[in-house]
């Protein structure tokens, strides 16, 4: 009870929740706690952002809670999404919903909260040069798992990429095989040449890899050469038009660090959007 993980927004309101959380840890009694952010004189110490915020405080303890936490972690580790049902009743405990008709949306009612949990997004950075090195730092800070692919071990190594959970200097075909299939895969092509981009995209198509995002760095001429070649290979225009080129948000970035920030912004934008159209090579 002497430390916290993450935040609900900080400030005096969070301080109140921490205080209430200590009581829940001591008593084990679940409860709703409301933070008043309207800025009224009597409640000014809680905040002036406007509105009210209600939070459900519950202590997870004992063998059942440990088993549930382990099951959730195991499913997420294997790339599977989880829907967690938390009932707002003292007698019932949170459970995982096992249904073929689960939705991707978080749902709140007066009796329960259904939370849609996804595995951390996986960012495959292809190209271990200056931009790749900066992007790994930015994306890791934003909560992405990092995988590095570059066939040059002098660049693709743990010294340059301490954030990476996996570094591959094998062929791109083998790298894609080594990555667990996931609909939460993001791919950033920050390579040093046209032929490398083409090889990666061709491998994604050949292996029918589903991606949330593909971004490709390069000049307009280089990008068009790659796209035209892929089009000649039978890749649909719908798919090609979905590839983010030029990569990154348009913020006037010039340096490797600035380019990494622009790519990171685009990754966050895609991640936080509702996943409606995944990139699928062939219809």
Protein backbone atom coordinates (compact mmCIF):
# COMPACT_ATOMS: atom_id res chain seq x y z
CA UNK A 1 0.00 0.00 0.00
CA UNK A 2 3.02 2.32 -0.21
CA UNK A 3 3.22 2.61 -4.01
CA UNK A 4 1.02 2.90 -7.09
CA UNK A 5 1.24 1.83 -10.73
CA UNK A 6 0.18 4.13 -13.56
CA UNK A 7 -2.26 7.01 -13.08
CA UNK A 8 -5.90 8.05 -13.42
CA UNK A 9 -4.98 11.66 -14.17
CA UNK A 10 -2.99 12.84 -11.19
CA UNK A 11 -3.76 15.77 -8.93
CA UNK A 12 -5.86 15.98 -5.80
CA UNK A 13 -8.48 13.59 -7.16
CA UNK A 14 -5.94 10.84 -7.55
CA UNK A 15 -4.64 11.53 -4.04
CA UNK A 16 -8.17 10.90 -2.75
CA UNK A 17 -8.39 7.59 -4.61
CA UNK A 18 -5.04 6.48 -3.22
CA UNK A 19 -6.31 7.25 0.28
CA UNK A 20 -9.52 5.29 -0.35
CA UNK A 21 -7.53 2.49 -1.95
CA UNK A 22 -5.54 2.01 1.24
CA UNK A 23 -8.81 1.54 3.14
CA UNK A 24 -9.99 -1.06 0.60
CA UNK A 25 -6.71 -2.94 1.01
CA UNK A 26 -7.21 -2.96 4.78
CA UNK A 27 -10.91 -3.89 4.84
CA UNK A 28 -11.31 -5.81 1.58
CA UNK A 29 -14.64 -4.04 1.03
CA UNK A 30 -15.37 -3.07 -2.60
CA UNK A 31 -16.76 0.39 -3.15
CA UNK A 32 -17.53 3.21 -5.56
CA UNK A 33 -15.72 6.49 -4.94
CA UNK A 34 -16.69 9.75 -6.63
CA UNK A 35 -14.35 12.64 -7.40
CA UNK A 36 -16.02 16.03 -7.87
CA UNK A 37 -14.27 18.07 -10.56
CA UNK A 38 -16.90 20.81 -10.89
CA UNK A 39 -14.81 23.35 -9.01
CA UNK A 40 -17.42 24.08 -6.34
CA UNK A 41 -16.02 25.90 -3.33
CA UNK A 42 -16.71 22.99 -0.99
CA UNK A 43 -14.96 20.48 -3.26
CA UNK A 44 -12.28 22.71 -4.77
CA UNK A 45 -9.53 20.54 -3.37
CA UNK A 46 -10.52 17.72 -5.75
CA UNK A 47 -10.22 19.65 -9.03
CA UNK A 48 -11.77 22.12 -11.46
CA UNK A 49 -11.70 20.17 -14.74
CA UNK A 50 -15.50 19.86 -14.82
CA UNK A 51 -17.88 16.98 -14.18
CA UNK A 52 -17.57 14.07 -11.83
CA UNK A 53 -15.58 10.84 -12.01
CA UNK A 54 -16.71 7.60 -10.39
CA UNK A 55 -14.27 4.79 -9.72
CA UNK A 56 -14.78 1.20 -8.61
CA UNK A 57 -12.20 0.11 -6.04
CA UNK A 58 -11.67 -3.60 -5.54
CA UNK A 59 -8.88 -5.61 -3.94
CA UNK A 60 -7.66 -8.63 -5.88
CA UNK A 61 -6.27 -11.19 -3.45
CA UNK A 62 -6.30 -14.89 -2.76
CA UNK A 63 -5.86 -17.97 -4.99
CA UNK A 64 -8.82 -17.18 -7.28
CA UNK A 65 -7.55 -13.69 -8.05
CA UNK A 66 -4.03 -14.97 -8.66
CA UNK A 67 -5.35 -17.67 -11.02
CA UNK A 68 -7.45 -15.12 -12.92
CA UNK A 69 -4.52 -12.73 -13.28
CA UNK A 70 -2.29 -15.55 -14.54
CA UNK A 71 -4.93 -16.60 -17.09
CA UNK A 72 -5.27 -13.04 -18.38
CA UNK A 73 -1.51 -12.63 -18.70
CA UNK A 74 -1.18 -15.98 -20.47
CA UNK A 75 -3.85 -15.10 -23.03
CA UNK A 76 -2.35 -11.68 -23.71
CA UNK A 77 1.13 -13.17 -24.00
CA UNK A 78 -0.12 -15.49 -26.72
CA UNK A 79 -1.61 -12.61 -28.68
CA UNK A 80 -5.24 -13.16 -27.67
CA UNK A 81 -7.66 -10.44 -26.59
CA UNK A 82 -9.58 -10.75 -23.32
CA UNK A 83 -12.96 -9.45 -22.21
CA UNK A 84 -13.05 -9.04 -18.44
CA UNK A 85 -16.41 -8.72 -16.66
CA UNK A 86 -16.28 -6.86 -13.34
CA UNK A 87 -19.62 -6.96 -11.47
CA UNK A 88 -20.46 -4.07 -9.14
CA UNK A 89 -21.58 -6.39 -6.36
CA UNK A 90 -19.75 -7.47 -3.18
CA UNK A 91 -20.49 -11.17 -3.63
CA UNK A 92 -19.34 -11.65 -7.26
CA UNK A 93 -15.79 -11.63 -8.57
CA UNK A 94 -14.38 -10.57 -11.96
CA UNK A 95 -14.48 -13.24 -14.67
CA UNK A 96 -13.31 -13.71 -18.24
CA UNK A 97 -16.16 -13.77 -20.74
CA UNK A 98 -16.03 -16.88 -22.92
CA UNK A 99 -18.21 -16.10 -25.91
CA UNK A 100 -17.99 -16.40 -29.68
CA UNK A 101 -19.88 -13.11 -29.98
CA UNK A 102 -17.73 -10.81 -27.89
CA UNK A 103 -17.28 -7.25 -29.11
CA UNK A 104 -14.20 -5.08 -29.28
CA UNK A 105 -15.81 -2.30 -27.26
CA UNK A 106 -15.56 -1.53 -23.55
CA UNK A 107 -19.06 -1.48 -22.04
CA UNK A 108 -20.36 0.11 -18.84
CA UNK A 109 -23.74 -0.46 -17.19
CA UNK A 110 -25.19 0.15 -13.74
CA UNK A 111 -24.41 -3.43 -12.72
CA UNK A 112 -21.08 -4.27 -14.32
CA UNK A 113 -18.10 -3.16 -16.39
CA UNK A 114 -16.88 -5.12 -19.41
CA UNK A 115 -13.31 -4.23 -20.27
CA UNK A 116 -11.75 -5.17 -23.61
CA UNK A 117 -8.08 -5.98 -23.03
CA UNK A 118 -5.69 -6.26 -25.96
CA UNK A 119 -2.12 -7.54 -26.06
CA UNK A 120 0.41 -4.72 -26.19
CA UNK A 121 0.76 -3.63 -29.82
CA UNK A 122 3.78 -5.12 -31.56
CA UNK A 123 5.87 -2.80 -33.69
CA UNK A 124 8.16 -4.43 -36.23
CA UNK A 125 10.84 -1.91 -37.16
CA UNK A 126 12.57 -2.90 -40.38
CA UNK A 127 15.85 -1.05 -40.67
CA UNK A 128 18.25 -0.53 -37.78
CA UNK A 129 19.69 2.81 -38.86
CA UNK A 130 19.38 6.25 -37.31
CA UNK A 131 15.60 6.55 -37.68
CA UNK A 132 15.02 2.99 -36.49
CA UNK A 133 17.10 3.60 -33.39
CA UNK A 134 15.17 6.77 -32.51
CA UNK A 135 11.81 5.16 -33.34
CA UNK A 136 12.45 2.24 -30.99
CA UNK A 137 12.85 4.71 -28.10
CA UNK A 138 9.73 6.69 -28.97
CA UNK A 139 7.49 3.67 -29.63
CA UNK A 140 8.67 1.85 -26.50
CA UNK A 141 7.80 4.92 -24.43
CA UNK A 142 4.34 4.87 -26.06
CA UNK A 143 3.76 1.28 -24.93
CA UNK A 144 4.67 -0.76 -28.00
CA UNK A 145 6.56 -4.03 -27.92
CA UNK A 146 9.56 -3.62 -30.17
CA UNK A 147 10.89 -6.11 -32.73
CA UNK A 148 13.90 -5.16 -34.83
CA UNK A 149 14.76 -6.65 -38.21
CA UNK A 150 17.99 -5.90 -40.03
CA UNK A 151 20.37 -8.44 -41.51
CA UNK A 152 23.38 -6.41 -40.29
CA UNK A 153 24.26 -7.60 -36.76
CA UNK A 154 26.59 -4.64 -36.25
CA UNK A 155 23.47 -2.46 -36.29
CA UNK A 156 20.75 -4.81 -35.05
CA UNK A 157 21.93 -5.72 -31.56
CA UNK A 158 20.98 -5.22 -27.91
CA UNK A 159 23.55 -2.46 -27.49
CA UNK A 160 21.73 -0.25 -29.97
CA UNK A 161 18.26 -1.57 -29.13
CA UNK A 162 17.91 -2.32 -25.41
CA UNK A 163 14.14 -1.76 -25.75
CA UNK A 164 13.63 -4.64 -28.18
CA UNK A 165 11.99 -7.85 -27.02
CA UNK A 166 13.26 -9.59 -30.16
CA UNK A 167 16.03 -8.77 -32.64
CA UNK A 168 16.34 -10.68 -35.89
CA UNK A 169 19.22 -10.70 -38.36
CA UNK A 170 17.69 -13.59 -40.31
CA UNK A 171 15.81 -13.22 -43.58
CA UNK A 172 12.59 -11.26 -43.44
CA UNK A 173 10.68 -14.45 -44.27
CA UNK A 174 12.10 -16.11 -41.17
CA UNK A 175 11.55 -13.02 -39.03
CA UNK A 176 7.85 -12.96 -39.88
CA UNK A 177 7.58 -16.66 -39.11
CA UNK A 178 9.20 -16.07 -35.71
CA UNK A 179 6.65 -13.39 -34.76
CA UNK A 180 3.47 -14.71 -33.16
CA UNK A 181 0.46 -14.01 -35.42
CA UNK A 182 -1.45 -11.02 -34.07
CA UNK A 183 -4.04 -8.60 -35.40
CA UNK A 184 -2.22 -5.95 -33.36
CA UNK A 185 0.89 -5.88 -35.55
CA UNK A 186 2.34 -2.58 -36.73
CA UNK A 187 5.15 -2.43 -39.31
CA UNK A 188 7.45 0.53 -39.90
CA UNK A 189 9.75 0.36 -42.93
CA UNK A 190 12.68 2.68 -42.29
CA UNK A 191 15.18 0.86 -44.48
CA UNK A 192 18.09 2.13 -46.51
CA UNK A 193 16.85 1.14 -49.95
CA UNK A 194 14.12 0.30 -52.45
CA UNK A 195 14.97 -3.39 -52.73
CA UNK A 196 14.66 -3.89 -48.96
CA UNK A 197 11.23 -2.28 -48.83
CA UNK A 198 10.06 -4.43 -51.72
CA UNK A 199 11.40 -7.61 -50.10
CA UNK A 200 9.60 -6.92 -46.82
CA UNK A 201 6.28 -6.01 -48.40
CA UNK A 202 6.47 -8.99 -50.77
CA UNK A 203 7.08 -11.26 -47.78
CA UNK A 204 4.13 -9.77 -45.88
CA UNK A 205 1.93 -10.44 -48.90
CA UNK A 206 3.27 -13.92 -49.52
CA UNK A 207 2.74 -14.97 -45.90
CA UNK A 208 -0.64 -13.22 -45.79
CA UNK A 209 0.28 -11.29 -42.64
CA UNK A 210 -2.54 -9.18 -41.18
CA UNK A 211 -1.42 -5.74 -39.95
CA UNK A 212 -3.04 -2.83 -38.18
CA UNK A 213 -0.55 -0.51 -39.82
CA UNK A 214 2.19 -0.44 -42.44
CA UNK A 215 4.24 2.72 -42.94
CA UNK A 216 7.05 3.19 -45.45
CA UNK A 217 9.73 5.90 -45.42
CA UNK A 218 11.24 7.13 -48.64
CA UNK A 219 11.14 9.65 -51.46
CA UNK A 220 8.07 9.89 -53.68
CA UNK A 221 9.94 8.25 -56.55
CA UNK A 222 11.16 5.36 -54.41
CA UNK A 223 7.72 4.79 -52.93
CA UNK A 224 6.05 4.77 -56.34
CA UNK A 225 8.59 2.25 -57.68
CA UNK A 226 7.79 -0.10 -54.80
CA UNK A 227 4.03 0.29 -55.12
CA UNK A 228 4.05 -0.14 -58.90
CA UNK A 229 6.09 -3.33 -58.60
CA UNK A 230 3.68 -4.73 -56.01
CA UNK A 231 0.73 -3.77 -58.18
CA UNK A 232 2.30 -5.74 -61.03
CA UNK A 233 2.52 -8.71 -58.62
CA UNK A 234 -1.26 -8.62 -58.17
CA UNK A 235 -1.61 -6.65 -54.94
CA UNK A 236 -4.88 -4.70 -54.85
CA UNK A 237 -4.99 -0.90 -55.04
CA UNK A 238 -7.16 -0.84 -51.90
CA UNK A 239 -4.38 -2.47 -49.94
CA UNK A 240 -1.62 -0.35 -51.47
CA UNK A 241 -3.55 2.86 -50.79
CA UNK A 242 -3.76 1.86 -47.10
CA UNK A 243 0.02 1.87 -46.70
CA UNK A 244 1.11 5.07 -44.98
CA UNK A 245 3.46 6.84 -47.37
CA UNK A 246 5.09 9.13 -46.54
CA UNK A 247 5.31 7.60 -43.09
CA UNK A 248 4.47 9.64 -40.02
CA UNK A 249 2.34 12.65 -39.14
CA UNK A 250 3.01 15.78 -41.17
CA UNK A 251 4.79 17.96 -38.61
CA UNK A 252 7.70 19.11 -40.78
CA UNK A 253 10.10 16.57 -39.29
CA UNK A 254 13.68 16.61 -40.61
CA UNK A 255 16.07 14.92 -38.17
CA UNK A 256 15.95 11.21 -37.24
CA UNK A 257 14.58 12.11 -33.82
CA UNK A 258 11.87 14.35 -35.28
CA UNK A 259 10.93 11.72 -37.85
CA UNK A 260 10.65 9.15 -35.06
CA UNK A 261 8.30 11.44 -33.14
CA UNK A 262 6.14 11.93 -36.26
CA UNK A 263 5.95 8.16 -36.81
CA UNK A 264 5.18 7.63 -33.13
CA UNK A 265 2.29 10.10 -33.35
CA UNK A 266 0.83 8.22 -36.32
CA UNK A 267 1.22 4.88 -34.53
CA UNK A 268 -0.67 6.20 -31.51
CA UNK A 269 -3.41 7.63 -33.71
CA UNK A 270 -3.95 4.26 -35.42
CA UNK A 271 -3.67 2.31 -32.17
CA UNK A 272 -6.32 4.40 -30.40
CA UNK A 273 -8.76 4.24 -33.30
CA UNK A 274 -11.37 1.48 -33.56
CA UNK A 275 -9.81 -1.36 -35.63
CA UNK A 276 -12.30 -1.59 -38.50
CA UNK A 277 -10.18 -2.24 -41.59
CA UNK A 278 -7.13 -4.40 -41.04
CA UNK A 279 -4.54 -4.56 -43.80
CA UNK A 280 -5.06 -7.88 -45.53
CA UNK A 281 -2.95 -8.57 -48.62
CA UNK A 282 -5.50 -10.42 -50.72
CA UNK A 283 -9.28 -10.13 -50.69
